[in-house]
Amino acid sequence: MKARIVFFLLNALLWSAIMITYGCVGVSSSKDALGYSDLKSLKAYKSTIINGWNDTKIHVDKGDVVVLTPLYPKGFPYSVKGKISSSSTIFDAVDIDIFSIHKVSEKGSLYCGIKKESEKIVTGVFIFNKDKIDDMIKDLDRIRLDSDLKGDDSKIFNLTLGILFKQKSDDLVQSNRESDALKHISQSIERFEEVDAKLYSATIYRLYNTAAGIYKDQNDYANFDRCFNMALDSLMRASAYYGKITSTGYEFLKDLTKNELFILLVKTKFFQKTGGYGYFGHGFANIANAYVFLSMYYSNMGNLCEGLRYCKKAIYEAEKSGDRYLIGWTYFNLGLRHRQFGFFKLSEAELTKAHQYYGKFLGYSRTSPTGRWSKVTLKIHLAFARYLTTKEEMYIQELRSFLQYMNTLPPPVYLPVCP
């Protein structure tokens, strides 16, 4: 009997040593997950350091749900993946923009890692017995509040909760339950700020942006103003932190009215990252393009007068800047606005003028795939405008030839948002 007890104690000590070595804070049993016996969903949690592929030493059963939460450094180029030993399927870790969880189809051992050699990444491994977000949130939030989590474990729990709260709010907005989403948006922001308010400033901006839109629709102008101002502050912080443009790049925003700022922030794609670039505004970060996007918004709402007024303001600011490409872009948009409302001759004249500026833009269109796409796109619109004006078949043939040529071009690095 004594031998059995000694053997049991030695095994326990050895298992504890393994847990400490691998950074494990929970094992594959509900009653052992951080000492809680009444958790609704969480079976196991472990923090591990990944470099290449690692065996997490966690066994998973069919039906379990795996959530991997990496603490990526700023600008990290690769994504953490997971794999179950019994399956060839490789799945993604969760991301602040793409909610990715994996439901296990066959029992086995969990591996996670990075396909390429890279710097080490601390990653949280969560095993749940079901994929119900509400239960996941309750378990993790309870542990966060009751346990003395420190260092990377604290960051992992806060980041995972931030992502879960964000996903829950997205689901509620999609279900037209915006009022219910507000609480989860607020909780998501709190968790992201707890981890790193600068690193996650872009996500915090988008959350405040969503909340501002909901409060605006509810005519709650006090909370709208609060969230709207916080969204702008987060956007400025994000643009400065990611280093592509400085906060001074948005100084022109102070010259816009509150309603203009709201439209740009909530109703258009002016501030959204586009074309795979991780920074905000791209070449749009100037007053002329702000007016272009306002023109697009009002025109799409059927307000021709306001659409044209903002187009003319955009042209004025572009010409004042002396940027020939920007001038061409503003005339291009004016041409599209006139065509949108049936003024075909005016549209043709403005698109012709835009073509003159594009063609003289320092040979840009001859050396850059993006430039060639931009120039061909303009030629397509111009040929269409000439056909609408003259009804001559030759312009239809011209249009077809440009479309065929476009199909031979390599993909552009970046395309402006099409009005």
Foldseek 3Di string as FASTA:
>chain_A
DVVVVVVVVVVVVVVVVVCVVFQWQAAQACCGANNHNDQDWWRGKGKGKAFAKDFSPHKDAQQKKKAKAWPDDPPDDWFKWKDFPVDPDIFGHQDLVRGTMDGHHHIGTMMMHTHDGDDIIIMMIIITNHDDLVSVLVRLVVCLVPPPDDDPRNLRSLQVLLSSLVVVLVVCVVVVNNVVNLVSLVSSLVSVVVNPCLSCLQVNLVSLLSVLVVCVVVVVVVSNVVSLVSSLVSLQSNQCSSPPDHSVLQVCVVVDDPVLSNCCSHVFCQFPDDLPDPHGNVVPSDQLNSLLRQLVVCLVVVNLVSNLVSLVVSLVVCVVVVQLLSNLVSLQSNLVSCVSVPNLVSSLVSLVVSLVSLVPNVCVCVPFLQSVLVNLVSLLSNLVSVCSVVVDCVSVVVNVVSVVVNVPGDDGSGDPDDD
